[in-house]
């Protein structure tokens, strides 16, 4: 039975770094590419980092029931997991790794009980989180403040997930996440 590994965290907590590590170290995992309406960053590729859709196309997929889960994460910025993405990866015999927001993670847990492991990646403090967001230099000050406000709200959800990994010392967080994933995948 193929399984789902769901990594979630507020922006800036380091979940993408942990996802990259898991993809390199656990051969049975494949990354679930989410759909989004947010603008593509210069280093991102369509159908590799995200499926970049217009708002109208995204809404058509919602109406057609094509998403396992979706959220309007920020005004006008939708994210979701297409049913066809999960089917594609499971047909390849892969376990699926998700890098997903808190609400999407909760919805995936509900959709796949018993087949999913959810890990919340937590920063050592809100102050460290804010500094990490600033250091990324991907947003102006208003967008940064909006992202930080949302991140503080998301921190309150940590107890809704199977495990919490604190990303204070990166090597420790990587090892902790890998151990949890390997243990979950080895159980039938």
N, C-alpha and C. Protein backbone atom coordinates (compact mmCIF):
# COMPACT_ATOMS: atom_id res chain seq x y z
N UNK A 1 0.85 -1.19 0.00
CA UNK A 1 0.00 0.00 0.00
C UNK A 1 0.89 1.24 0.00
N UNK A 2 0.67 2.11 -0.96
CA UNK A 2 1.43 3.36 -1.02
C UNK A 2 0.96 4.30 0.07
N UNK A 3 1.90 5.11 0.56
CA UNK A 3 1.63 5.99 1.69
C UNK A 3 1.91 7.44 1.33
N UNK A 4 1.45 8.33 2.22
CA UNK A 4 1.68 9.76 2.07
C UNK A 4 2.47 10.27 3.27
N UNK A 5 3.48 11.06 3.00
CA UNK A 5 4.24 11.76 4.03
C UNK A 5 3.92 13.24 3.85
N UNK A 6 3.34 13.84 4.87
CA UNK A 6 2.88 15.22 4.78
C UNK A 6 3.76 16.09 5.68
N UNK A 7 4.54 16.97 5.08
CA UNK A 7 5.33 17.93 5.84
C UNK A 7 4.64 19.28 5.74
N UNK A 8 4.44 19.89 6.88
CA UNK A 8 3.79 21.19 6.92
C UNK A 8 4.52 22.08 7.91
N UNK A 9 4.37 23.37 7.71
CA UNK A 9 5.03 24.34 8.57
C UNK A 9 4.64 25.73 8.11
N UNK A 10 4.82 26.70 8.99
CA UNK A 10 4.69 28.08 8.53
C UNK A 10 5.81 28.40 7.54
N UNK A 11 5.60 29.35 6.66
CA UNK A 11 6.66 29.79 5.74
C UNK A 11 7.89 30.17 6.54
N UNK A 12 9.04 29.71 6.07
CA UNK A 12 10.30 30.08 6.71
C UNK A 12 10.77 29.12 7.79
N UNK A 13 9.99 28.09 8.08
CA UNK A 13 10.39 27.15 9.14
C UNK A 13 11.43 26.14 8.65
N UNK A 14 11.57 26.00 7.34
CA UNK A 14 12.59 25.11 6.79
C UNK A 14 12.06 23.81 6.22
N UNK A 15 10.76 23.74 5.97
CA UNK A 15 10.22 22.46 5.51
C UNK A 15 10.73 22.09 4.12
N UNK A 16 10.93 23.05 3.24
CA UNK A 16 11.42 22.73 1.90
C UNK A 16 12.82 22.14 1.95
N UNK A 17 13.66 22.62 2.83
CA UNK A 17 15.00 22.06 3.01
C UNK A 17 14.90 20.61 3.49
N UNK A 18 13.99 20.35 4.40
CA UNK A 18 13.81 18.99 4.92
C UNK A 18 13.22 18.09 3.83
N UNK A 19 12.28 18.61 3.05
CA UNK A 19 11.71 17.85 1.94
C UNK A 19 12.82 17.44 0.96
N UNK A 20 13.69 18.36 0.60
CA UNK A 20 14.79 18.04 -0.33
C UNK A 20 15.67 16.93 0.23
N UNK A 21 15.96 17.02 1.51
CA UNK A 21 16.79 15.98 2.16
C UNK A 21 16.10 14.62 2.08
N UNK A 22 14.82 14.58 2.40
CA UNK A 22 14.09 13.31 2.39
C UNK A 22 14.04 12.71 0.99
N UNK A 23 13.85 13.55 -0.02
CA UNK A 23 13.81 13.05 -1.40
C UNK A 23 15.15 12.45 -1.82
N UNK A 24 16.24 13.00 -1.29
CA UNK A 24 17.57 12.48 -1.62
C UNK A 24 17.90 11.22 -0.83
N UNK A 25 17.36 11.08 0.36
CA UNK A 25 17.79 9.99 1.23
C UNK A 25 16.82 8.81 1.32
N UNK A 26 15.57 8.99 0.89
CA UNK A 26 14.58 7.90 0.96
C UNK A 26 14.09 7.63 -0.46
N UNK A 27 14.59 6.54 -1.05
CA UNK A 27 14.39 6.30 -2.49
C UNK A 27 12.95 6.02 -2.89
N UNK A 28 12.11 5.57 -1.97
CA UNK A 28 10.73 5.26 -2.35
C UNK A 28 9.84 6.50 -2.46
N UNK A 29 10.36 7.66 -2.07
CA UNK A 29 9.56 8.88 -2.07
C UNK A 29 9.62 9.62 -3.40
N UNK A 30 8.48 10.16 -3.78
CA UNK A 30 8.38 11.10 -4.89
C UNK A 30 7.61 12.32 -4.41
N UNK A 31 7.97 13.46 -4.95
CA UNK A 31 7.39 14.73 -4.54
C UNK A 31 6.07 14.99 -5.23
N UNK A 32 5.07 15.39 -4.47
CA UNK A 32 3.79 15.80 -5.02
C UNK A 32 3.89 17.26 -5.43
N UNK A 33 3.65 17.51 -6.70
CA UNK A 33 3.69 18.87 -7.22
C UNK A 33 2.31 19.49 -7.02
N UNK A 34 2.27 20.56 -6.26
CA UNK A 34 1.02 21.27 -6.00
C UNK A 34 0.68 22.21 -7.15
N UNK A 35 -0.58 22.53 -7.26
CA UNK A 35 -1.04 23.55 -8.19
C UNK A 35 -1.15 24.87 -7.43
N UNK A 36 -0.87 25.97 -8.09
CA UNK A 36 -0.97 27.28 -7.45
C UNK A 36 -1.29 28.36 -8.48
N UNK A 37 -1.85 29.44 -7.95
CA UNK A 37 -2.10 30.62 -8.79
C UNK A 37 -1.11 31.73 -8.51
N UNK A 38 -0.22 31.52 -7.56
CA UNK A 38 0.74 32.59 -7.27
C UNK A 38 1.74 32.71 -8.40
N UNK A 39 2.34 33.89 -8.55
CA UNK A 39 3.30 34.09 -9.65
C UNK A 39 4.52 33.16 -9.48
N UNK A 40 5.04 32.73 -10.60
CA UNK A 40 6.21 31.88 -10.61
C UNK A 40 7.45 32.72 -10.30
N UNK A 41 8.28 32.22 -9.40
CA UNK A 41 9.55 32.89 -9.10
C UNK A 41 10.53 32.55 -10.22
N UNK A 42 11.54 33.38 -10.39
CA UNK A 42 12.45 33.24 -11.54
C UNK A 42 13.13 31.87 -11.60
N UNK A 43 13.40 31.26 -10.48
CA UNK A 43 14.12 29.98 -10.45
C UNK A 43 13.18 28.77 -10.51
N UNK A 44 11.87 28.99 -10.56
CA UNK A 44 10.91 27.89 -10.55
C UNK A 44 10.52 27.47 -11.96
N UNK A 45 10.21 26.16 -12.08
CA UNK A 45 9.78 25.61 -13.37
C UNK A 45 8.37 25.05 -13.23
N UNK A 46 7.54 25.32 -14.24
CA UNK A 46 6.19 24.77 -14.27
C UNK A 46 6.27 23.25 -14.39
N UNK A 47 5.37 22.56 -13.67
CA UNK A 47 5.29 21.09 -13.66
C UNK A 47 6.49 20.44 -12.99
N UNK A 48 7.34 21.24 -12.36
CA UNK A 48 8.45 20.70 -11.57
C UNK A 48 8.35 21.20 -10.14
N UNK A 49 8.24 22.50 -9.97
CA UNK A 49 8.08 23.08 -8.64
C UNK A 49 6.59 23.18 -8.27
N UNK A 50 5.81 23.64 -9.21
CA UNK A 50 4.34 23.76 -9.08
C UNK A 50 3.74 23.60 -10.46
N UNK A 51 2.43 23.34 -10.47
CA UNK A 51 1.64 23.53 -11.68
C UNK A 51 1.08 24.94 -11.56
N UNK A 52 1.59 25.86 -12.34
CA UNK A 52 1.16 27.25 -12.26
C UNK A 52 -0.10 27.43 -13.10
N UNK A 53 -1.20 27.83 -12.46
CA UNK A 53 -2.49 27.98 -13.13
C UNK A 53 -2.99 29.41 -12.95
N UNK A 54 -3.82 29.83 -13.87
CA UNK A 54 -4.52 31.10 -13.68
C UNK A 54 -5.61 30.88 -12.63
N UNK A 55 -6.11 31.94 -12.06
CA UNK A 55 -7.19 31.83 -11.08
C UNK A 55 -8.41 31.17 -11.73
N UNK A 56 -8.72 31.55 -12.97
CA UNK A 56 -9.87 30.95 -13.66
C UNK A 56 -9.69 29.45 -13.87
N UNK A 57 -8.50 29.03 -14.29
CA UNK A 57 -8.24 27.60 -14.47
C UNK A 57 -8.34 26.85 -13.14
N UNK A 58 -7.80 27.44 -12.09
CA UNK A 58 -7.85 26.82 -10.77
C UNK A 58 -9.31 26.62 -10.35
N UNK A 59 -10.11 27.67 -10.53
CA UNK A 59 -11.53 27.58 -10.14
C UNK A 59 -12.28 26.54 -10.97
N UNK A 60 -11.90 26.38 -12.24
CA UNK A 60 -12.52 25.34 -13.07
C UNK A 60 -12.20 23.95 -12.50
N UNK A 61 -10.97 23.77 -12.05
CA UNK A 61 -10.59 22.49 -11.43
C UNK A 61 -11.37 22.26 -10.13
N UNK A 62 -11.60 23.32 -9.36
CA UNK A 62 -12.39 23.20 -8.13
C UNK A 62 -13.79 22.71 -8.49
N UNK A 63 -14.41 23.39 -9.44
CA UNK A 63 -15.79 23.04 -9.85
C UNK A 63 -15.88 21.61 -10.37
N UNK A 64 -14.83 21.14 -11.03
CA UNK A 64 -14.83 19.79 -11.59
C UNK A 64 -14.51 18.72 -10.54
N UNK A 65 -14.15 19.14 -9.32
CA UNK A 65 -13.81 18.18 -8.27
C UNK A 65 -12.46 17.53 -8.48
N UNK A 66 -11.55 18.24 -9.15
CA UNK A 66 -10.24 17.67 -9.48
C UNK A 66 -9.23 17.70 -8.33
N UNK A 67 -9.52 18.46 -7.28
CA UNK A 67 -8.57 18.58 -6.17
C UNK A 67 -8.92 17.64 -5.02
N UNK A 68 -7.90 17.03 -4.44
CA UNK A 68 -8.07 16.27 -3.19
C UNK A 68 -8.23 17.29 -2.06
N UNK A 69 -7.48 18.36 -2.15
CA UNK A 69 -7.57 19.47 -1.19
C UNK A 69 -7.15 20.73 -1.90
N UNK A 70 -7.67 21.86 -1.43
CA UNK A 70 -7.26 23.16 -1.94
C UNK A 70 -7.58 24.22 -0.90
N UNK A 71 -6.87 25.32 -0.98
CA UNK A 71 -7.08 26.45 -0.08
C UNK A 71 -6.77 27.74 -0.81
N UNK A 72 -7.47 28.80 -0.41
CA UNK A 72 -7.05 30.14 -0.81
C UNK A 72 -6.17 30.63 0.34
N UNK A 73 -4.87 30.41 0.19
CA UNK A 73 -3.91 30.64 1.28
C UNK A 73 -3.75 32.12 1.57
N UNK A 74 -3.67 32.91 0.52
CA UNK A 74 -3.65 34.37 0.62
C UNK A 74 -4.69 34.87 -0.38
N UNK A 75 -5.21 36.08 -0.22
CA UNK A 75 -6.23 36.56 -1.14
C UNK A 75 -5.78 36.43 -2.61
N UNK A 76 -6.56 35.69 -3.38
CA UNK A 76 -6.26 35.49 -4.79
C UNK A 76 -5.16 34.49 -5.09
N UNK A 77 -4.58 33.89 -4.04
CA UNK A 77 -3.49 32.92 -4.23
C UNK A 77 -3.96 31.56 -3.71
N UNK A 78 -4.29 30.71 -4.66
CA UNK A 78 -4.81 29.38 -4.36
C UNK A 78 -3.69 28.35 -4.46
N UNK A 79 -3.80 27.32 -3.64
CA UNK A 79 -2.90 26.17 -3.69
C UNK A 79 -3.76 24.92 -3.57
N UNK A 80 -3.34 23.84 -4.21
CA UNK A 80 -4.11 22.61 -4.09
C UNK A 80 -3.35 21.41 -4.61
N UNK A 81 -3.88 20.23 -4.27
CA UNK A 81 -3.32 18.96 -4.72
C UNK A 81 -4.30 18.32 -5.69
N UNK A 82 -3.87 18.16 -6.92
CA UNK A 82 -4.71 17.54 -7.93
C UNK A 82 -4.77 16.02 -7.71
N UNK A 83 -5.95 15.48 -7.81
CA UNK A 83 -6.15 14.03 -7.68
C UNK A 83 -5.26 13.26 -8.66
N UNK A 84 -5.12 13.81 -9.87
CA UNK A 84 -4.30 13.14 -10.89
C UNK A 84 -2.83 13.05 -10.49
N UNK A 85 -2.36 13.99 -9.68
CA UNK A 85 -0.97 13.96 -9.21
C UNK A 85 -0.75 12.77 -8.29
N UNK A 86 -1.66 12.53 -7.37
CA UNK A 86 -1.55 11.39 -6.46
C UNK A 86 -1.65 10.09 -7.25
N UNK A 87 -2.60 10.01 -8.15
CA UNK A 87 -2.77 8.81 -8.97
C UNK A 87 -1.53 8.52 -9.80
N UNK A 88 -0.93 9.55 -10.37
CA UNK A 88 0.28 9.39 -11.20
C UNK A 88 1.41 8.78 -10.37
N UNK A 89 1.64 9.31 -9.19
CA UNK A 89 2.74 8.83 -8.36
C UNK A 89 2.48 7.44 -7.81
N UNK A 90 1.26 7.15 -7.42
CA UNK A 90 0.95 5.81 -6.92
C UNK A 90 1.03 4.78 -8.04
N UNK A 91 0.66 5.15 -9.26
CA UNK A 91 0.81 4.22 -10.39
C UNK A 91 2.28 3.88 -10.64
N UNK A 92 3.16 4.82 -10.30
CA UNK A 92 4.60 4.57 -10.42
C UNK A 92 5.14 3.77 -9.23
N UNK A 93 4.25 3.41 -8.27
CA UNK A 93 4.67 2.62 -7.11
C UNK A 93 5.38 3.43 -6.04
N UNK A 94 5.19 4.72 -6.04
CA UNK A 94 5.90 5.59 -5.11
C UNK A 94 5.05 5.94 -3.89
N UNK A 95 5.74 6.21 -2.77
CA UNK A 95 5.13 6.88 -1.63
C UNK A 95 5.28 8.37 -1.92
N UNK A 96 4.31 9.15 -1.47
CA UNK A 96 4.27 10.56 -1.88
C UNK A 96 4.65 11.48 -0.73
N UNK A 97 5.53 12.42 -1.03
CA UNK A 97 5.97 13.42 -0.07
C UNK A 97 5.35 14.76 -0.43
N UNK A 98 4.69 15.37 0.55
CA UNK A 98 4.02 16.65 0.36
C UNK A 98 4.73 17.75 1.14
N UNK A 99 4.90 18.89 0.51
CA UNK A 99 5.38 20.13 1.14
C UNK A 99 4.18 21.06 1.02
N UNK A 100 3.43 21.21 2.12
CA UNK A 100 2.09 21.78 2.00
C UNK A 100 1.76 22.65 3.21
N UNK A 101 0.85 23.61 3.01
CA UNK A 101 0.46 24.49 4.11
C UNK A 101 -0.36 23.71 5.16
N UNK A 102 -0.54 24.31 6.30
CA UNK A 102 -1.19 23.66 7.44
C UNK A 102 -2.60 23.18 7.10
N UNK A 103 -3.39 24.01 6.45
CA UNK A 103 -4.77 23.63 6.18
C UNK A 103 -4.85 22.50 5.15
N UNK A 104 -4.01 22.58 4.14
CA UNK A 104 -3.95 21.50 3.17
C UNK A 104 -3.52 20.19 3.82
N UNK A 105 -2.57 20.28 4.75
CA UNK A 105 -2.10 19.09 5.46
C UNK A 105 -3.23 18.46 6.28
N UNK A 106 -4.00 19.29 6.95
CA UNK A 106 -5.13 18.76 7.73
C UNK A 106 -6.13 18.05 6.82
N UNK A 107 -6.39 18.63 5.66
CA UNK A 107 -7.33 18.02 4.71
C UNK A 107 -6.80 16.71 4.14
N UNK A 108 -5.49 16.65 3.87
CA UNK A 108 -4.91 15.40 3.38
C UNK A 108 -5.00 14.29 4.43
N UNK A 109 -4.73 14.66 5.69
CA UNK A 109 -4.85 13.67 6.77
C UNK A 109 -6.25 13.08 6.81
N UNK A 110 -7.26 13.94 6.67
CA UNK A 110 -8.66 13.48 6.69
C UNK A 110 -8.96 12.60 5.49
N UNK A 111 -8.41 12.94 4.33
CA UNK A 111 -8.70 12.20 3.10
C UNK A 111 -8.03 10.83 3.06
N UNK A 112 -6.91 10.67 3.78
CA UNK A 112 -6.15 9.42 3.73
C UNK A 112 -5.79 8.91 5.13
N UNK A 113 -6.79 8.64 5.96
CA UNK A 113 -6.49 8.15 7.31
C UNK A 113 -5.81 6.78 7.23
N UNK A 114 -4.81 6.59 8.07
CA UNK A 114 -4.11 5.32 8.10
C UNK A 114 -3.04 5.17 7.03
N UNK A 115 -3.07 6.01 6.02
CA UNK A 115 -2.08 5.95 4.94
C UNK A 115 -1.13 7.13 4.97
N UNK A 116 -1.30 8.01 5.96
CA UNK A 116 -0.49 9.22 5.97
C UNK A 116 0.23 9.41 7.30
N UNK A 117 1.39 10.04 7.20
CA UNK A 117 2.17 10.48 8.35
C UNK A 117 2.30 11.99 8.20
N UNK A 118 1.93 12.73 9.24
CA UNK A 118 2.04 14.19 9.16
C UNK A 118 3.08 14.69 10.16
N UNK A 119 3.96 15.55 9.66
CA UNK A 119 5.03 16.11 10.48
C UNK A 119 4.96 17.63 10.37
N UNK A 120 4.88 18.27 11.52
CA UNK A 120 4.86 19.73 11.59
C UNK A 120 6.29 20.19 11.88
N UNK A 121 6.83 21.03 11.00
CA UNK A 121 8.17 21.58 11.19
C UNK A 121 8.01 22.92 11.88
N UNK A 122 8.63 23.01 13.05
CA UNK A 122 8.46 24.19 13.90
C UNK A 122 9.78 24.96 14.01
N UNK A 123 9.74 26.27 13.86
CA UNK A 123 10.96 27.06 14.09
C UNK A 123 11.23 27.14 15.60
N UNK A 124 12.46 27.43 16.00
CA UNK A 124 12.75 27.51 17.42
C UNK A 124 12.01 28.64 18.14
N UNK A 125 11.65 29.70 17.40
CA UNK A 125 10.89 30.81 17.99
C UNK A 125 10.30 31.64 16.86
N UNK A 126 9.27 32.45 17.17
CA UNK A 126 8.72 33.35 16.15
C UNK A 126 9.75 34.36 15.65
N UNK A 127 10.64 34.79 16.53
CA UNK A 127 11.67 35.77 16.14
C UNK A 127 12.63 35.18 15.10
N UNK A 128 13.02 33.93 15.32
CA UNK A 128 13.90 33.26 14.35
C UNK A 128 13.16 33.10 13.02
N UNK A 129 11.89 32.75 13.10
CA UNK A 129 11.09 32.60 11.89
C UNK A 129 11.06 33.91 11.09
N UNK A 130 10.80 35.02 11.77
CA UNK A 130 10.76 36.32 11.08
C UNK A 130 12.10 36.62 10.41
N UNK A 131 13.19 36.34 11.09
CA UNK A 131 14.51 36.59 10.51
C UNK A 131 14.75 35.72 9.29
N UNK A 132 14.32 34.46 9.34
CA UNK A 132 14.47 33.57 8.18
C UNK A 132 13.67 34.10 6.99
N UNK A 133 12.46 34.58 7.26
CA UNK A 133 11.65 35.14 6.17
C UNK A 133 12.33 36.37 5.56
N UNK A 134 12.89 37.21 6.42
CA UNK A 134 13.59 38.41 5.93
C UNK A 134 14.80 38.02 5.09
N UNK A 135 15.53 37.01 5.57
CA UNK A 135 16.76 36.60 4.89
C UNK A 135 16.49 36.03 3.49
N UNK A 136 15.30 35.50 3.25
CA UNK A 136 14.96 34.96 1.93
C UNK A 136 14.88 36.05 0.87
N UNK A 137 14.50 37.26 1.29
CA UNK A 137 14.40 38.42 0.38
C UNK A 137 13.51 38.13 -0.82
N UNK A 138 12.38 37.46 -0.58
CA UNK A 138 11.46 37.14 -1.68
C UNK A 138 10.23 38.04 -1.68
N UNK A 139 10.05 38.86 -0.63
CA UNK A 139 8.86 39.70 -0.54
C UNK A 139 9.21 41.10 -0.08
N UNK A 140 8.34 42.05 -0.43
CA UNK A 140 8.49 43.39 0.12
C UNK A 140 8.00 43.37 1.58
N UNK A 141 8.12 44.48 2.27
CA UNK A 141 7.81 44.52 3.71
C UNK A 141 6.35 44.18 4.00
N UNK A 142 5.42 44.68 3.18
CA UNK A 142 4.00 44.37 3.40
C UNK A 142 3.73 42.88 3.25
N UNK A 143 4.25 42.28 2.19
CA UNK A 143 4.06 40.84 1.97
C UNK A 143 4.73 40.03 3.08
N UNK A 144 5.88 40.49 3.53
CA UNK A 144 6.58 39.82 4.62
C UNK A 144 5.75 39.86 5.90
N UNK A 145 5.16 41.00 6.20
CA UNK A 145 4.33 41.12 7.40
C UNK A 145 3.09 40.23 7.31
N UNK A 146 2.49 40.16 6.11
CA UNK A 146 1.33 39.30 5.90
C UNK A 146 1.72 37.83 6.11
N UNK A 147 2.86 37.44 5.57
CA UNK A 147 3.34 36.06 5.69
C UNK A 147 3.65 35.72 7.15
N UNK A 148 4.25 36.66 7.87
CA UNK A 148 4.60 36.42 9.27
C UNK A 148 3.34 36.32 10.15
N UNK A 149 2.36 37.16 9.87
CA UNK A 149 1.09 37.10 10.62
C UNK A 149 0.45 35.72 10.43
N UNK A 150 0.42 35.25 9.20
CA UNK A 150 -0.15 33.93 8.91
C UNK A 150 0.68 32.84 9.59
N UNK A 151 1.98 32.97 9.56
CA UNK A 151 2.86 31.97 10.17
C UNK A 151 2.59 31.85 11.67
N UNK A 152 2.39 32.97 12.34
CA UNK A 152 2.10 32.93 13.78
C UNK A 152 0.78 32.20 14.04
N UNK A 153 -0.20 32.41 13.18
CA UNK A 153 -1.48 31.69 13.32
C UNK A 153 -1.28 30.19 13.13
N UNK A 154 -0.47 29.82 12.14
CA UNK A 154 -0.25 28.41 11.83
C UNK A 154 0.49 27.68 12.95
N UNK A 155 1.32 28.37 13.69
CA UNK A 155 2.04 27.73 14.80
C UNK A 155 1.09 27.13 15.83
N UNK A 156 -0.10 27.67 15.93
CA UNK A 156 -1.08 27.16 16.90
C UNK A 156 -1.62 25.77 16.52
N UNK A 157 -1.33 25.31 15.32
CA UNK A 157 -1.86 24.03 14.84
C UNK A 157 -0.92 22.85 15.06
N UNK A 158 0.23 23.07 15.66
CA UNK A 158 1.23 22.00 15.74
C UNK A 158 0.69 20.72 16.39
N UNK A 159 -0.23 20.84 17.34
CA UNK A 159 -0.74 19.65 18.03
C UNK A 159 -1.74 18.84 17.20
N UNK A 160 -2.05 19.30 15.99
CA UNK A 160 -2.98 18.59 15.11
C UNK A 160 -2.28 17.53 14.25
N UNK A 161 -0.97 17.44 14.36
CA UNK A 161 -0.20 16.57 13.49
C UNK A 161 0.45 15.44 14.29
N UNK A 162 0.87 14.39 13.57
CA UNK A 162 1.41 13.21 14.23
C UNK A 162 2.67 13.51 15.02
N UNK A 163 3.57 14.31 14.44
CA UNK A 163 4.84 14.62 15.10
C UNK A 163 5.20 16.08 14.85
N UNK A 164 6.01 16.62 15.76
CA UNK A 164 6.57 17.96 15.62
C UNK A 164 8.08 17.81 15.61
N UNK A 165 8.73 18.41 14.61
CA UNK A 165 10.19 18.45 14.54
C UNK A 165 10.58 19.92 14.64
N UNK A 166 11.37 20.26 15.65
CA UNK A 166 11.84 21.63 15.81
C UNK A 166 13.09 21.81 14.95
N UNK A 167 13.03 22.77 14.04
CA UNK A 167 14.17 23.04 13.16
C UNK A 167 14.99 24.17 13.75
N UNK A 168 15.81 23.80 14.72
CA UNK A 168 16.74 24.74 15.33
C UNK A 168 18.13 24.47 14.79
N UNK A 169 18.61 23.24 14.97
CA UNK A 169 19.88 22.79 14.39
C UNK A 169 19.51 21.93 13.19
N UNK A 170 19.83 22.39 12.00
CA UNK A 170 19.35 21.75 10.79
C UNK A 170 19.69 20.26 10.72
N UNK A 171 20.92 19.87 11.02
CA UNK A 171 21.28 18.45 10.91
C UNK A 171 20.45 17.58 11.83
N UNK A 172 20.11 18.08 13.00
CA UNK A 172 19.27 17.33 13.94
C UNK A 172 17.85 17.21 13.38
N UNK A 173 17.31 18.30 12.85
CA UNK A 173 15.96 18.28 12.28
C UNK A 173 15.90 17.32 11.08
N UNK A 174 16.93 17.32 10.25
CA UNK A 174 16.96 16.41 9.10
C UNK A 174 16.96 14.96 9.56
N UNK A 175 17.79 14.66 10.55
CA UNK A 175 17.88 13.29 11.06
C UNK A 175 16.57 12.86 11.72
N UNK A 176 15.96 13.75 12.49
CA UNK A 176 14.69 13.43 13.16
C UNK A 176 13.59 13.14 12.14
N UNK A 177 13.47 13.98 11.14
CA UNK A 177 12.44 13.79 10.12
C UNK A 177 12.69 12.49 9.35
N UNK A 178 13.92 12.23 8.98
CA UNK A 178 14.23 11.01 8.23
C UNK A 178 13.91 9.76 9.05
N UNK A 179 14.22 9.78 10.33
CA UNK A 179 13.93 8.63 11.20
C UNK A 179 12.43 8.37 11.27
N UNK A 180 11.64 9.42 11.44
CA UNK A 180 10.18 9.27 11.49
C UNK A 180 9.63 8.69 10.18
N UNK A 181 10.12 9.19 9.07
CA UNK A 181 9.64 8.74 7.76
C UNK A 181 10.02 7.28 7.53
N UNK A 182 11.27 6.94 7.79
CA UNK A 182 11.70 5.56 7.56
C UNK A 182 10.91 4.57 8.43
N UNK A 183 10.68 4.95 9.67
CA UNK A 183 9.91 4.07 10.56
C UNK A 183 8.48 3.90 10.04
N UNK A 184 7.84 4.97 9.62
CA UNK A 184 6.47 4.90 9.10
C UNK A 184 6.39 4.05 7.83
N UNK A 185 7.34 4.22 6.93
CA UNK A 185 7.31 3.49 5.67
C UNK A 185 7.61 2.01 5.85
N UNK A 186 8.30 1.65 6.91
CA UNK A 186 8.65 0.24 7.13
C UNK A 186 7.50 -0.54 7.74
N UNK A 187 6.48 0.13 8.24
CA UNK A 187 5.32 -0.53 8.84
C UNK A 187 4.28 -0.79 7.75
N UNK A 188 3.84 -2.01 7.66
CA UNK A 188 2.78 -2.34 6.68
C UNK A 188 1.48 -2.29 7.31
